[in-house]
Amino acid sequence: MSKPTQDSKYFGLTKKQVLLLVVLAVLNFAVICGLGSIVWSGYKQSQLAVVPQTISTVQPSPTPTIQPTATQKPTHTPTPTLTPIPQPVATENDILNEICDERTQFEEFYQSNGVIRIYLVFAKLDCEHGHGDLLLWVAAQNITQEKVHVNPLYFSTIDFQGRVHNVDSKTFGETHGFEATDLLYNTHTDGFLFFGVGRNNAPHYIVYDDGWNPAIRIDLTEVIRP
């Protein structure tokens, strides 16, 4: 039998063709292995994405509750209310004791109505002697910017029984009697006034009323103290 030559064929293929097939098979196997590795890696990544990861969260520490500091309420000390001591009110007898047969001087006691200011200077009442005449010395002052007329007829007295006594005609014959006149701003006039009130009949009020402005009333129980 003759030996096969270098070009002898295997399964109808030459030696070179067989080697080429082997190389191709190895390459295909390598490619398949590489693709399989890639597919497997992708599968693992997808599994990791599907499975939820438990993330531990840091819980905030609870805010401590601060108890309010107990404050002591201030103690209220009430302010003492000072009750004024009522002043004794003069009676008719007190006034009689003050002005009977004696000229009682007053320290420029006055009342005003915003137009005229009436001063009571002194008073005297005939109790034991005479006819029971009440003698007053009064002054009138204009406290406005306008001219004001004053007149002795604007004066009267009211006793404790409520009787009104008008000025007596003796006023007009008296040398220093109160005269009717017009007063300019900040000027004044003064003089005597006589009232026939009767013996032991003390005056309660001395009234000045000109009929246009508010009447002025001097209360002798406020002027004379018991």
Foldseek 3Di string as FASTA:
>chain_A
DDDDDQQDADVNHGPVVVVVVVVVVVVVVVVVVVVVVVVVVVVVVVVVVVDDDDDDDDDDDDDDDDDDDDDDDDDDDDDDDDDDDDADFDDLVLQCVQAEVDKHAFDQDWDDQQFKIKTWGTWHFHAPDDWTKIKTKMKIWGADQDKDKAAQQQKWFAFPVGDIWTWDPVLVVDPFHWHIDIHHHGDMHIGMTMTRPGHSTGTQWMWGPPPPTDITIDGVSVRGGD
